[in-house]
PDB file of N, CA and C in Angstrom:
ATOM      1  N   MET A   1       0.821  -1.166   0.000  1.00  0.00           N
ATOM      2  CA  MET A   1       0.000   0.000   0.000  1.00  0.00           C
ATOM      3  C   MET A   1       0.880   1.250   0.000  1.00  0.00           C
ATOM      4  N   LYS A   2       0.401   2.169  -0.703  1.00  0.00           N
ATOM      5  CA  LYS A   2       1.150   3.404  -0.802  1.00  0.00           C
ATOM      6  C   LYS A   2       0.809   4.298   0.384  1.00  0.00           C
ATOM      7  N   VAL A   3       1.639   5.246   0.631  1.00  0.00           N
ATOM      8  CA  VAL A   3       1.471   6.184   1.740  1.00  0.00           C
ATOM      9  C   VAL A   3       0.203   7.007   1.536  1.00  0.00           C
ATOM     10  N   GLU A   4      -0.090   7.347   0.306  1.00  0.00           N
ATOM     11  CA  GLU A   4      -1.288   8.131   0.027  1.00  0.00           C
ATOM     12  C   GLU A   4      -2.546   7.346   0.359  1.00  0.00           C
ATOM     13  N   GLN A   5      -2.522   6.057   0.052  1.00  0.00           N
ATOM     14  CA  GLN A   5      -3.684   5.219   0.355  1.00  0.00           C
ATOM     15  C   GLN A   5      -3.850   5.068   1.866  1.00  0.00           C
ATOM     16  N   ILE A   6      -2.719   4.886   2.548  1.00  0.00           N
ATOM     17  CA  ILE A   6      -2.774   4.757   4.002  1.00  0.00           C
ATOM     18  C   ILE A   6      -3.310   6.060   4.604  1.00  0.00           C
ATOM     19  N   ALA A   7      -2.896   7.187   4.109  1.00  0.00           N
ATOM     20  CA  ALA A   7      -3.346   8.483   4.614  1.00  0.00           C
ATOM     21  C   ALA A   7      -4.839   8.647   4.357  1.00  0.00           C
ATOM     22  N   THR A   8      -5.297   8.192   3.194  1.00  0.00           N
ATOM     23  CA  THR A   8      -6.717   8.273   2.872  1.00  0.00           C
ATOM     24  C   THR A   8      -7.516   7.407   3.819  1.00  0.00           C
ATOM     25  N   TRP A   9      -7.036   6.168   4.041  1.00  0.00           N
ATOM     26  CA  TRP A   9      -7.747   5.261   4.953  1.00  0.00           C
ATOM     27  C   TRP A   9      -7.746   5.804   6.393  1.00  0.00           C
ATOM     28  N   VAL A  10      -6.657   6.350   6.805  1.00  0.00           N
ATOM     29  CA  VAL A  10      -6.567   6.920   8.150  1.00  0.00           C
ATOM     30  C   VAL A  10      -7.532   8.109   8.258  1.00  0.00           C
ATOM     31  N   GLY A  11      -7.577   8.922   7.200  1.00  0.00           N
ATOM     32  CA  GLY A  11      -8.496  10.068   7.194  1.00  0.00           C
ATOM     33  C   GLY A  11      -9.950   9.613   7.265  1.00  0.00           C
ATOM     34  N   LEU A  12     -10.296   8.596   6.464  1.00  0.00           N
ATOM     35  CA  LEU A  12     -11.659   8.064   6.480  1.00  0.00           C
ATOM     36  C   LEU A  12     -11.984   7.460   7.843  1.00  0.00           C
ATOM     37  N   PHE A  13     -11.046   6.682   8.386  1.00  0.00           N
ATOM     38  CA  PHE A  13     -11.267   6.072   9.698  1.00  0.00           C
ATOM     39  C   PHE A  13     -11.456   7.145  10.771  1.00  0.00           C
ATOM     40  N   THR A  14     -10.658   8.193  10.703  1.00  0.00           N
ATOM     41  CA  THR A  14     -10.755   9.287  11.669  1.00  0.00           C
ATOM     42  C   THR A  14     -12.102   9.992  11.544  1.00  0.00           C
ATOM     43  N   ALA A  15     -12.558  10.206  10.299  1.00  0.00           N
ATOM     44  CA  ALA A  15     -13.851  10.873  10.085  1.00  0.00           C
ATOM     45  C   ALA A  15     -14.992  10.021  10.619  1.00  0.00           C
ATOM     46  N   VAL A  16     -14.959   8.709  10.346  1.00  0.00           N
ATOM     47  CA  VAL A  16     -16.005   7.805  10.833  1.00  0.00           C
ATOM     48  C   VAL A  16     -15.973   7.744  12.353  1.00  0.00           C
ATOM     49  N   ALA A  17     -14.786   7.672  12.923  1.00  0.00           N
ATOM     50  CA  ALA A  17     -14.658   7.630  14.383  1.00  0.00           C
ATOM     51  C   ALA A  17     -15.186   8.927  14.996  1.00  0.00           C
ATOM     52  N   GLY A  18     -14.900  10.068  14.375  1.00  0.00           N
ATOM     53  CA  GLY A  18     -15.393  11.353  14.862  1.00  0.00           C
ATOM     54  C   GLY A  18     -16.912  11.433  14.776  1.00  0.00           C
ATOM     55  N   ALA A  19     -17.476  10.933  13.669  1.00  0.00           N
ATOM     56  CA  ALA A  19     -18.933  10.933  13.509  1.00  0.00           C
ATOM     57  C   ALA A  19     -19.580  10.047  14.559  1.00  0.00           C
ATOM     58  N   ALA A  20     -18.980   8.871  14.812  1.00  0.00           N
ATOM     59  CA  ALA A  20     -19.524   7.961  15.830  1.00  0.00           C
ATOM     60  C   ALA A  20     -19.436   8.597  17.211  1.00  0.00           C
ATOM     61  N   ALA A  21     -18.338   9.261  17.486  1.00  0.00           N
ATOM     62  CA  ALA A  21     -18.178   9.911  18.789  1.00  0.00           C
ATOM     63  C   ALA A  21     -19.208  11.034  18.935  1.00  0.00           C
ATOM     64  N   ASN A  22     -19.370  11.818  17.877  1.00  0.00           N
ATOM     65  CA  ASN A  22     -20.366  12.897  17.919  1.00  0.00           C
ATOM     66  C   ASN A  22     -21.774  12.341  18.100  1.00  0.00           C
ATOM     67  N   TYR A  23     -22.065  11.217  17.434  1.00  0.00           N
ATOM     68  CA  TYR A  23     -23.389  10.595  17.581  1.00  0.00           C
ATOM     69  C   TYR A  23     -23.606  10.162  19.027  1.00  0.00           C
ATOM     70  N   GLY A  24     -22.601   9.535  19.620  1.00  0.00           N
ATOM     71  CA  GLY A  24     -22.702   9.108  21.013  1.00  0.00           C
ATOM     72  C   GLY A  24     -22.875  10.290  21.957  1.00  0.00           C
ATOM     73  N   ILE A  25     -22.122  11.345  21.731  1.00  0.00           N
ATOM     74  CA  ILE A  25     -22.239  12.546  22.575  1.00  0.00           C
ATOM     75  C   ILE A  25     -23.628  13.162  22.429  1.00  0.00           C
ATOM     76  N   THR A  26     -24.127  13.228  21.181  1.00  0.00           N
ATOM     77  CA  THR A  26     -25.449  13.799  20.934  1.00  0.00           C
ATOM     78  C   THR A  26     -26.532  12.973  21.612  1.00  0.00           C
ATOM     79  N   GLU A  27     -26.443  11.644  21.510  1.00  0.00           N
ATOM     80  CA  GLU A  27     -27.418  10.768  22.170  1.00  0.00           C
ATOM     81  C   GLU A  27     -27.395  10.971  23.672  1.00  0.00           C
ATOM     82  N   ASN A  28     -26.221  11.107  24.242  1.00  0.00           N
ATOM     83  CA  ASN A  28     -26.092  11.320  25.680  1.00  0.00           C
ATOM     84  C   ASN A  28     -26.723  12.661  26.081  1.00  0.00           C
ATOM     85  N   LYS A  29     -26.471  13.693  25.279  1.00  0.00           N
ATOM     86  CA  LYS A  29     -27.042  15.001  25.583  1.00  0.00           C
ATOM     87  C   LYS A  29     -28.564  14.985  25.473  1.00  0.00           C
ATOM     88  N   VAL A  30     -29.098  14.293  24.463  1.00  0.00           N
ATOM     89  CA  VAL A  30     -30.552  14.197  24.295  1.00  0.00           C
ATOM     90  C   VAL A  30     -31.162  13.461  25.483  1.00  0.00           C
ATOM     91  N   ALA A  31     -30.547  12.366  25.920  1.00  0.00           N
ATOM     92  CA  ALA A  31     -31.062  11.614  27.063  1.00  0.00           C
ATOM     93  C   ALA A  31     -31.045  12.479  28.323  1.00  0.00           C
ATOM     94  N   THR A  32     -29.970  13.219  28.531  1.00  0.00           N
ATOM     95  CA  THR A  32     -29.878  14.108  29.695  1.00  0.00           C
ATOM     96  C   THR A  32     -30.950  15.190  29.628  1.00  0.00           C
ATOM     97  N   LEU A  33     -31.124  15.759  28.439  1.00  0.00           N
ATOM     98  CA  LEU A  33     -32.143  16.792  28.257  1.00  0.00           C
ATOM     99  C   LEU A  33     -33.541  16.239  28.518  1.00  0.00           C
ATOM    100  N   GLU A  34     -33.842  15.038  28.002  1.00  0.00           N
ATOM    101  CA  GLU A  34     -35.148  14.422  28.241  1.00  0.00           C
ATOM    102  C   GLU A  34     -35.380  14.189  29.725  1.00  0.00           C
ATOM    103  N   GLN A  35     -34.344  13.753  30.430  1.00  0.00           N
ATOM    104  CA  GLN A  35     -34.483  13.515  31.866  1.00  0.00           C
ATOM    105  C   GLN A  35     -34.766  14.827  32.598  1.00  0.00           C
ATOM    106  N   LYS A  36     -34.043  15.874  32.246  1.00  0.00           N
ATOM    107  CA  LYS A  36     -34.262  17.167  32.892  1.00  0.00           C
ATOM    108  C   LYS A  36     -35.653  17.710  32.567  1.00  0.00           C
ATOM    109  N   MET A  37     -36.104  17.525  31.337  1.00  0.00           N
ATOM    110  CA  MET A  37     -37.429  17.993  30.946  1.00  0.00           C
ATOM    111  C   MET A  37     -38.513  17.236  31.708  1.00  0.00           C
ATOM    112  N   SER A  38     -38.317  15.934  31.891  1.00  0.00           N
ATOM    113  CA  SER A  38     -39.324  15.164  32.629  1.00  0.00           C
ATOM    114  C   SER A  38     -39.366  15.579  34.086  1.00  0.00           C
ATOM    115  N   GLU A  39     -38.221  16.006  34.625  1.00  0.00           N
ATOM    116  CA  GLU A  39     -38.216  16.519  35.993  1.00  0.00           C
ATOM    117  C   GLU A  39     -38.936  17.865  36.066  1.00  0.00           C
ATOM    118  N   LEU A  40     -38.749  18.697  35.050  1.00  0.00           N
ATOM    119  CA  LEU A  40     -39.391  20.010  35.035  1.00  0.00           C
ATOM    120  C   LEU A  40     -40.889  19.900  34.807  1.00  0.00           C
ATOM    121  N   TYR A  41     -41.268  19.045  33.901  1.00  0.00           N
ATOM    122  CA  TYR A  41     -42.670  18.923  33.517  1.00  0.00           C
ATOM    123  C   TYR A  41     -43.180  17.541  33.889  1.00  0.00           C
ATOM    124  N   ASN A  42     -43.856  17.478  34.999  1.00  0.00           N
ATOM    125  CA  ASN A  42     -44.456  16.234  35.441  1.00  0.00           C
ATOM    126  C   ASN A  42     -45.635  15.937  34.511  1.00  0.00           C
ATOM    127  N   VAL A  43     -45.514  14.892  33.723  1.00  0.00           N
ATOM    128  CA  VAL A  43     -46.503  14.582  32.695  1.00  0.00           C
ATOM    129  C   VAL A  43     -47.869  14.322  33.315  1.00  0.00           C
ATOM    130  N   GLU A  44     -47.925  13.621  34.413  1.00  0.00           N
ATOM    131  CA  GLU A  44     -49.220  13.322  35.053  1.00  0.00           C
ATOM    132  C   GLU A  44     -49.885  14.597  35.550  1.00  0.00           C
ATOM    133  N   GLU A  45     -49.081  15.489  36.098  1.00  0.00           N
ATOM    134  CA  GLU A  45     -49.618  16.759  36.577  1.00  0.00           C
ATOM    135  C   GLU A  45     -50.185  17.578  35.416  1.00  0.00           C
ATOM    136  N   ILE A  46     -49.496  17.551  34.294  1.00  0.00           N
ATOM    137  CA  ILE A  46     -49.982  18.261  33.103  1.00  0.00           C
ATOM    138  C   ILE A  46     -51.293  17.653  32.636  1.00  0.00           C
ATOM    139  N   ARG A  47     -51.403  16.344  32.677  1.00  0.00           N
ATOM    140  CA  ARG A  47     -52.653  15.684  32.263  1.00  0.00           C
ATOM    141  C   ARG A  47     -53.808  16.072  33.182  1.00  0.00           C
ATOM    142  N   VAL A  48     -53.537  16.136  34.490  1.00  0.00           N
ATOM    143  CA  VAL A  48     -54.575  16.545  35.439  1.00  0.00           C
ATOM    144  C   VAL A  48     -55.019  17.974  35.146  1.00  0.00           C
ATOM    145  N   LEU A  49     -54.058  18.846  34.894  1.00  0.00           N
ATOM    146  CA  LEU A  49     -54.385  20.236  34.580  1.00  0.00           C
ATOM    147  C   LEU A  49     -55.160  20.343  33.269  1.00  0.00           C
ATOM    148  N   GLU A  50     -54.814  19.520  32.287  1.00  0.00           N
ATOM    149  CA  GLU A  50     -55.545  19.521  31.017  1.00  0.00           C
ATOM    150  C   GLU A  50     -56.992  19.083  31.230  1.00  0.00           C
ATOM    151  N   ARG A  51     -57.200  18.064  32.085  1.00  0.00           N
ATOM    152  CA  ARG A  51     -58.570  17.606  32.369  1.00  0.00           C
ATOM    153  C   ARG A  51     -59.366  18.704  33.071  1.00  0.00           C
ATOM    154  N   ARG A  52     -58.720  19.389  34.019  1.00  0.00           N
ATOM    155  CA  ARG A  52     -59.400  20.484  34.718  1.00  0.00           C
ATOM    156  C   ARG A  52     -59.749  21.610  33.753  1.00  0.00           C
ATOM    157  N   LEU A  53     -58.828  21.914  32.848  1.00  0.00           N
ATOM    158  CA  LEU A  53     -59.076  22.955  31.859  1.00  0.00           C
ATOM    159  C   LEU A  53     -60.248  22.578  30.961  1.00  0.00           C
ATOM    160  N   THR A  54     -60.289  21.320  30.544  1.00  0.00           N
ATOM    161  CA  THR A  54     -61.401  20.855  29.713  1.00  0.00           C
ATOM    162  C   THR A  54     -62.717  20.976  30.465  1.00  0.00           C
ATOM    163  N   THR A  55     -62.719  20.596  31.742  1.00  0.00           N
ATOM    164  CA  THR A  55     -63.928  20.712  32.561  1.00  0.00           C
ATOM    165  C   THR A  55     -64.369  22.163  32.668  1.00  0.00           C
ATOM    166  N   LEU A  56     -63.421  23.059  32.886  1.00  0.00           N
ATOM    167  CA  LEU A  56     -63.754  24.481  32.972  1.00  0.00           C
ATOM    168  C   LEU A  56     -64.296  25.018  31.651  1.00  0.00           C
ATOM    169  N   GLU A  57     -63.726  24.568  30.552  1.00  0.00           N
ATOM    170  CA  GLU A  57     -64.213  25.011  29.242  1.00  0.00           C
ATOM    171  C   GLU A  57     -65.643  24.550  29.009  1.00  0.00           C
ATOM    172  N   VAL A  58     -65.936  23.297  29.374  1.00  0.00           N
ATOM    173  CA  VAL A  58     -67.298  22.775  29.215  1.00  0.00           C
ATOM    174  C   VAL A  58     -68.256  23.547  30.115  1.00  0.00           C
ATOM    175  N   SER A  59     -67.849  23.818  31.354  1.00  0.00           N
ATOM    176  CA  SER A  59     -68.698  24.580  32.276  1.00  0.00           C
ATOM    177  C   SER A  59     -68.956  25.978  31.732  1.00  0.00           C
ATOM    178  N   LEU A  60     -67.933  26.592  31.186  1.00  0.00           N
ATOM    179  CA  LEU A  60     -68.087  27.929  30.615  1.00  0.00           C
ATOM    180  C   LEU A  60     -69.084  27.913  29.459  1.00  0.00           C
ATOM    181  N   GLU A  61     -68.997  26.916  28.610  1.00  0.00           N
ATOM    182  CA  GLU A  61     -69.941  26.803  27.493  1.00  0.00           C
ATOM    183  C   GLU A  61     -71.368  26.630  28.006  1.00  0.00           C
ATOM    184  N   ASN A  62     -71.526  25.812  29.064  1.00  0.00           N
ATOM    185  CA  ASN A  62     -72.874  25.615  29.633  1.00  0.00           C
ATOM    186  C   ASN A  62     -73.422  26.922  30.198  1.00  0.00           C
ATOM    187  N   VAL A  63     -72.558  27.678  30.858  1.00  0.00           N
ATOM    188  CA  VAL A  63     -72.995  28.963  31.415  1.00  0.00           C
ATOM    189  C   VAL A  63     -73.380  29.917  30.285  1.00  0.00           C
ATOM    190  N   LYS A  64     -72.576  29.936  29.223  1.00  0.00           N
ATOM    191  CA  LYS A  64     -72.902  30.799  28.075  1.00  0.00           C
ATOM    192  C   LYS A  64     -74.244  30.394  27.467  1.00  0.00           C
ATOM    193  N   ASP A  65     -74.478  29.087  27.341  1.00  0.00           N
ATOM    194  CA  ASP A  65     -75.761  28.618  26.797  1.00  0.00           C
ATOM    195  C   ASP A  65     -76.912  29.030  27.701  1.00  0.00           C
ATOM    196  N   ALA A  66     -76.719  28.880  29.010  1.00  0.00           N
ATOM    197  CA  ALA A  66     -77.779  29.247  29.957  1.00  0.00           C
ATOM    198  C   ALA A  66     -78.051  30.744  29.911  1.00  0.00           C
ATOM    199  N   MET A  67     -77.001  31.534  29.789  1.00  0.00           N
ATOM    200  CA  MET A  67     -77.189  32.977  29.726  1.00  0.00           C
ATOM    201  C   MET A  67     -77.866  33.390  28.426  1.00  0.00           C
ATOM    202  N   GLY A  68     -77.607  32.636  27.370  1.00  0.00           N
ATOM    203  CA  GLY A  68     -78.246  32.943  26.100  1.00  0.00           C
ATOM    204  C   GLY A  68     -79.747  32.729  26.157  1.00  0.00           C
ATOM    205  N   GLY A  69     -80.202  31.830  27.032  1.00  0.00           N
ATOM    206  CA  GLY A  69     -81.628  31.555  27.163  1.00  0.00           C
ATOM    207  C   GLY A  69     -82.371  32.566  28.010  1.00  0.00           C
ATOM    208  N   ILE A  70     -81.639  33.422  28.717  1.00  0.00           N
ATOM    209  CA  ILE A  70     -82.276  34.427  29.569  1.00  0.00           C
ATOM    210  C   ILE A  70     -82.715  35.591  28.694  1.00  0.00           C
ATOM    211  N   GLU A  71     -83.988  35.899  28.791  1.00  0.00           N
ATOM    212  CA  GLU A  71     -84.507  37.017  28.015  1.00  0.00           C
ATOM    213  C   GLU A  71     -84.508  38.276  28.868  1.00  0.00           C
ATOM    214  N   VAL A  72     -84.130  39.360  28.266  1.00  0.00           N
ATOM    215  CA  VAL A  72     -84.135  40.643  28.962  1.00  0.00           C
ATOM    216  C   VAL A  72     -85.509  41.259  28.750  1.00  0.00           C
ATOM    217  N   THR A  73     -86.183  41.526  29.844  1.00  0.00           N
ATOM    218  CA  THR A  73     -87.530  42.080  29.778  1.00  0.00           C
ATOM    219  C   THR A  73     -87.469  43.549  29.412  1.00  0.00           C
ATOM    220  N   ASP A  74     -88.341  43.938  28.505  1.00  0.00           N
ATOM    221  CA  ASP A  74     -88.449  45.344  28.148  1.00  0.00           C
ATOM    222  C   ASP A  74     -89.256  46.031  29.244  1.00  0.00           C
ATOM    223  N   THR A  75     -88.602  46.887  29.981  1.00  0.00           N
ATOM    224  CA  THR A  75     -89.243  47.525  31.133  1.00  0.00           C
ATOM    225  C   THR A  75     -89.924  48.839  30.781  1.00  0.00           C
ATOM    226  N   SER A  76     -89.823  49.272  29.554  1.00  0.00           N
ATOM    227  CA  SER A  76     -90.401  50.572  29.200  1.00  0.00           C
ATOM    228  C   SER A  76     -91.917  50.566  29.375  1.00  0.00           C
ATOM    229  N   GLU A  77     -92.574  49.450  29.036  1.00  0.00           N
ATOM    230  CA  GLU A  77     -94.027  49.376  29.207  1.00  0.00           C
ATOM    231  C   GLU A  77     -94.391  49.389  30.689  1.00  0.00           C
ATOM    232  N   ILE A  78     -93.630  48.679  31.483  1.00  0.00           N
ATOM    233  CA  ILE A  78     -93.878  48.651  32.927  1.00  0.00           C
ATOM    234  C   ILE A  78     -93.681  50.047  33.510  1.00  0.00           C
ATOM    235  N   GLN A  79     -92.623  50.726  33.096  1.00  0.00           N
ATOM    236  CA  GLN A  79     -92.378  52.079  33.589  1.00  0.00           C
ATOM    237  C   GLN A  79     -93.505  53.014  33.177  1.00  0.00           C
ATOM    238  N   SER A  80     -94.006  52.853  31.962  1.00  0.00           N
ATOM    239  CA  SER A  80     -95.108  53.692  31.497  1.00  0.00           C
ATOM    240  C   SER A  80     -96.351  53.458  32.345  1.00  0.00           C
ATOM    241  N   ARG A  81     -96.665  52.181  32.607  1.00  0.00           N
ATOM    242  CA  ARG A  81     -97.835  51.854  33.444  1.00  0.00           C
ATOM    243  C   ARG A  81     -97.656  52.395  34.852  1.00  0.00           C
ATOM    244  N   THR A  82     -96.440  52.295  35.375  1.00  0.00           N
ATOM    245  CA  THR A  82     -96.165  52.800  36.714  1.00  0.00           C
ATOM    246  C   THR A  82     -96.408  54.308  36.776  1.00  0.00           C
ATOM    247  N   SER A  83     -95.936  54.985  35.753  1.00  0.00           N
ATOM    248  CA  SER A  83     -96.131  56.435  35.708  1.00  0.00           C
ATOM    249  C   SER A  83     -97.622  56.782  35.677  1.00  0.00           C
ATOM    250  N   VAL A  84     -98.399  56.050  34.870  1.00  0.00           N
ATOM    251  CA  VAL A  84     -99.852  56.280  34.802  1.00  0.00           C
ATOM    252  C   VAL A  84    -100.484  56.007  36.159  1.00  0.00           C
ATOM    253  N   ASN A  85    -100.086  54.893  36.795  1.00  0.00           N
ATOM    254  CA  ASN A  85    -100.650  54.556  38.105  1.00  0.00           C
ATOM    255  C   ASN A  85    -100.288  55.598  39.156  1.00  0.00           C
ATOM    256  N   GLN A  86     -99.082  56.127  39.093  1.00  0.00           N
ATOM    257  CA  GLN A  86     -98.695  57.166  40.047  1.00  0.00           C
ATOM    258  C   GLN A  86     -99.551  58.415  39.850  1.00  0.00           C
ATOM    259  N   SER A  87     -99.825  58.747  38.600  1.00  0.00           N
ATOM    260  CA  SER A  87    -100.708  59.908  38.334  1.00  0.00           C
ATOM    261  C   SER A  87    -102.098  59.656  38.890  1.00  0.00           C
ATOM    262  N   ARG A  88    -102.612  58.452  38.712  1.00  0.00           N
ATOM    263  CA  ARG A  88    -103.939  58.110  39.236  1.00  0.00           C
ATOM    264  C   ARG A  88    -103.955  58.179  40.759  1.00  0.00           C
ATOM    265  N   ILE A  89    -102.883  57.685  41.379  1.00  0.00           N
ATOM    266  CA  ILE A  89    -102.803  57.710  42.840  1.00  0.00           C
ATOM    267  C   ILE A  89    -102.799  59.146  43.341  1.00  0.00           C
ATOM    268  N   ARG A  90    -102.039  60.030  42.693  1.00  0.00           N
ATOM    269  CA  ARG A  90    -102.022  61.438  43.100  1.00  0.00           C
ATOM    270  C   ARG A  90    -103.408  62.066  42.949  1.00  0.00           C
ATOM    271  N   ALA A  91    -104.090  61.723  41.851  1.00  0.00           N
ATOM    272  CA  ALA A  91    -105.444  62.266  41.644  1.00  0.00           C
ATOM    273  C   ALA A  91    -106.382  61.765  42.739  1.00  0.00           C
ATOM    274  N   LEU A  92    -106.300  60.478  43.098  1.00  0.00           N
ATOM    275  CA  LEU A  92    -107.138  59.922  44.169  1.00  0.00           C
ATOM    276  C   LEU A  92    -106.805  60.569  45.509  1.00  0.00           C
ATOM    277  N   GLN A  93    -105.527  60.814  45.777  1.00  0.00           N
ATOM    278  CA  GLN A  93    -105.140  61.466  47.022  1.00  0.00           C
ATOM    279  C   GLN A  93    -105.731  62.873  47.092  1.00  0.00           C
ATOM    280  N   ASN A  94    -105.714  63.577  45.970  1.00  0.00           N
ATOM    281  CA  ASN A  94    -106.312  64.922  45.939  1.00  0.00           C
ATOM    282  C   ASN A  94    -107.818  64.848  46.202  1.00  0.00           C
ATOM    283  N   GLN A  95    -108.481  63.847  45.608  1.00  0.00           N
ATOM    284  CA  GLN A  95    -109.919  63.691  45.845  1.00  0.00           C
ATOM    285  C   GLN A  95    -110.186  63.370  47.304  1.00  0.00           C
ATOM    286  N   ILE A  96    -109.374  62.502  47.885  1.00  0.00           N
ATOM    287  CA  ILE A  96    -109.547  62.149  49.300  1.00  0.00           C
ATOM    288  C   ILE A  96    -109.374  63.382  50.171  1.00  0.00           C
ATOM    289  N   GLU A  97    -108.370  64.176  49.864  1.00  0.00           N
ATOM    290  CA  GLU A  97    -108.151  65.400  50.641  1.00  0.00           C
ATOM    291  C   GLU A  97    -109.356  66.347  50.516  1.00  0.00           C
ATOM    292  N   ARG A  98    -109.910  66.487  49.315  1.00  0.00           N
ATOM    293  CA  ARG A  98    -111.083  67.351  49.135  1.00  0.00           C
ATOM    294  C   ARG A  98    -112.282  66.798  49.908  1.00  0.00           C
ATOM    295  N   ILE A  99    -112.444  65.462  49.848  1.00  0.00           N
ATOM    296  CA  ILE A  99    -113.563  64.837  50.579  1.00  0.00           C
ATOM    297  C   ILE A  99    -113.376  65.029  52.080  1.00  0.00           C
ATOM    298  N   GLU A 100    -112.138  64.827  52.570  1.00  0.00           N
ATOM    299  CA  GLU A 100    -111.872  65.018  53.993  1.00  0.00           C
ATOM    300  C   GLU A 100    -112.142  66.463  54.411  1.00  0.00           C
ATOM    301  N   THR A 101    -111.748  67.389  53.563  1.00  0.00           N
ATOM    302  CA  THR A 101    -112.012  68.804  53.849  1.00  0.00           C
ATOM    303  C   THR A 101    -113.512  69.063  53.895  1.00  0.00           C
ATOM    304  N   ALA A 102    -114.238  68.487  52.926  1.00  0.00           N
ATOM    305  CA  ALA A 102    -115.696  68.673  52.897  1.00  0.00           C
ATOM    306  C   ALA A 102    -116.333  68.049  54.134  1.00  0.00           C
ATOM    307  N   ILE A 103    -115.865  66.869  54.539  1.00  0.00           N
ATOM    308  CA  ILE A 103    -116.396  66.207  55.735  1.00  0.00           C
ATOM    309  C   ILE A 103    -116.121  67.062  56.964  1.00  0.00           C
ATOM    310  N   GLU A 104    -114.937  67.611  57.043  1.00  0.00           N
ATOM    311  CA  GLU A 104    -114.587  68.460  58.186  1.00  0.00           C
ATOM    312  C   GLU A 104    -115.484  69.702  58.225  1.00  0.00           C
ATOM    313  N   GLN A 105    -115.734  70.268  57.078  1.00  0.00           N
ATOM    314  CA  GLN A 105    -116.621  71.440  57.031  1.00  0.00           C
ATOM    315  C   GLN A 105    -118.039  71.056  57.453  1.00  0.00           C
ATOM    316  N   ILE A 106    -118.495  69.898  57.004  1.00  0.00           N
ATOM    317  CA  ILE A 106    -119.835  69.434  57.406  1.00  0.00           C
ATOM    318  C   ILE A 106    -119.863  69.204  58.907  1.00  0.00           C
ATOM    319  N   ARG A 107    -118.858  68.615  59.489  1.00  0.00           N
ATOM    320  CA  ARG A 107    -118.810  68.386  60.941  1.00  0.00           C
ATOM    321  C   ARG A 107    -118.866  69.717  61.687  1.00  0.00           C
ATOM    322  N   GLN A 108    -118.084  70.647  61.197  1.00  0.00           N
ATOM    323  CA  GLN A 108    -118.078  71.955  61.856  1.00  0.00           C
ATOM    324  C   GLN A 108    -119.477  72.585  61.812  1.00  0.00           C
ATOM    325  N   LYS A 109    -120.171  72.475  60.664  1.00  0.00           N
ATOM    326  CA  LYS A 109    -121.525  73.011  60.554  1.00  0.00           C
ATOM    327  C   LYS A 109    -122.471  72.281  61.500  1.00  0.00           C
ATOM    328  N   LEU A 110    -122.302  70.932  61.564  1.00  0.00           N
ATOM    329  CA  LEU A 110    -123.144  70.152  62.469  1.00  0.00           C
ATOM    330  C   LEU A 110    -122.870  70.533  63.916  1.00  0.00           C
ATOM    331  N   ASP A 111    -121.615  70.718  64.242  1.00  0.00           N
ATOM    332  CA  ASP A 111    -121.254  71.115  65.606  1.00  0.00           C
ATOM    333  C   ASP A 111    -121.884  72.486  65.936  1.00  0.00           C
ATOM    334  N   ARG A 112    -121.850  73.400  65.004  1.00  0.00           N
ATOM    335  CA  ARG A 112    -122.438  74.727  65.232  1.00  0.00           C
ATOM    336  C   ARG A 112    -123.963  74.623  65.379  1.00  0.00           C
ATOM    337  N   LEU A 113    -124.531  73.763  64.531  1.00  0.00           N
ATOM    338  CA  LEU A 113    -125.984  73.609  64.627  1.00  0.00           C
ATOM    339  C   LEU A 113    -126.384  72.957  65.955  1.00  0.00           C
ATOM    340  N   ASN A 114    -125.609  71.965  66.357  1.00  0.00           N
ATOM    341  CA  ASN A 114    -125.909  71.276  67.612  1.00  0.00           C
ATOM    342  C   ASN A 114    -125.664  72.175  68.817  1.00  0.00           C
ATOM    343  N   SER A 115    -124.707  73.042  68.719  1.00  0.00           N
ATOM    344  CA  SER A 115    -124.412  73.892  69.868  1.00  0.00           C
ATOM    345  C   SER A 115    -125.256  75.167  69.892  1.00  0.00           C
ATOM    346  N   SER A 116    -125.919  75.492  68.837  1.00  0.00           N
ATOM    347  CA  SER A 116    -126.754  76.700  68.843  1.00  0.00           C
ATOM    348  C   SER A 116    -128.084  76.440  69.534  1.00  0.00           C
ATOM    349  N   PRO A 117    -128.584  77.438  70.274  1.00  0.00           N
ATOM    350  CA  PRO A 117    -129.868  77.262  70.936  1.00  0.00           C
ATOM    351  C   PRO A 117    -131.000  77.284  69.922  1.00  0.00           C
ATOM    352  N   LEU A 118    -131.941  76.514  70.124  1.00  0.00           N
ATOM    353  CA  LEU A 118    -133.103  76.444  69.234  1.00  0.00           C
ATOM    354  C   LEU A 118    -134.196  77.301  69.677  1.00  0.00           C
TER     355      LEU A 118
END
């Protein structure tokens, strides 16, 4: 074998050995990273939180549906009727006051008639 061939084979062997070493180092780093990630993120805890989130989302949708079924009453007609009734009540109070005044005047006349000598 010539020196050039030996140098080529040594170069190829060195490149393959370097690639294998890099592959091993990369695999080790990935395994370490996965272990650290699993320590940071407890998968079961995440699943529990996901289930709770799903439950909350469903509850929120139910509340939205229930709120959609609530009708807002138009109160303008009720307010109008109330205003009319208040006017009627004031008119009745005025009539009562006039009647009470008339009754008082009649009593006073009766008292004068009863107290006057015949």
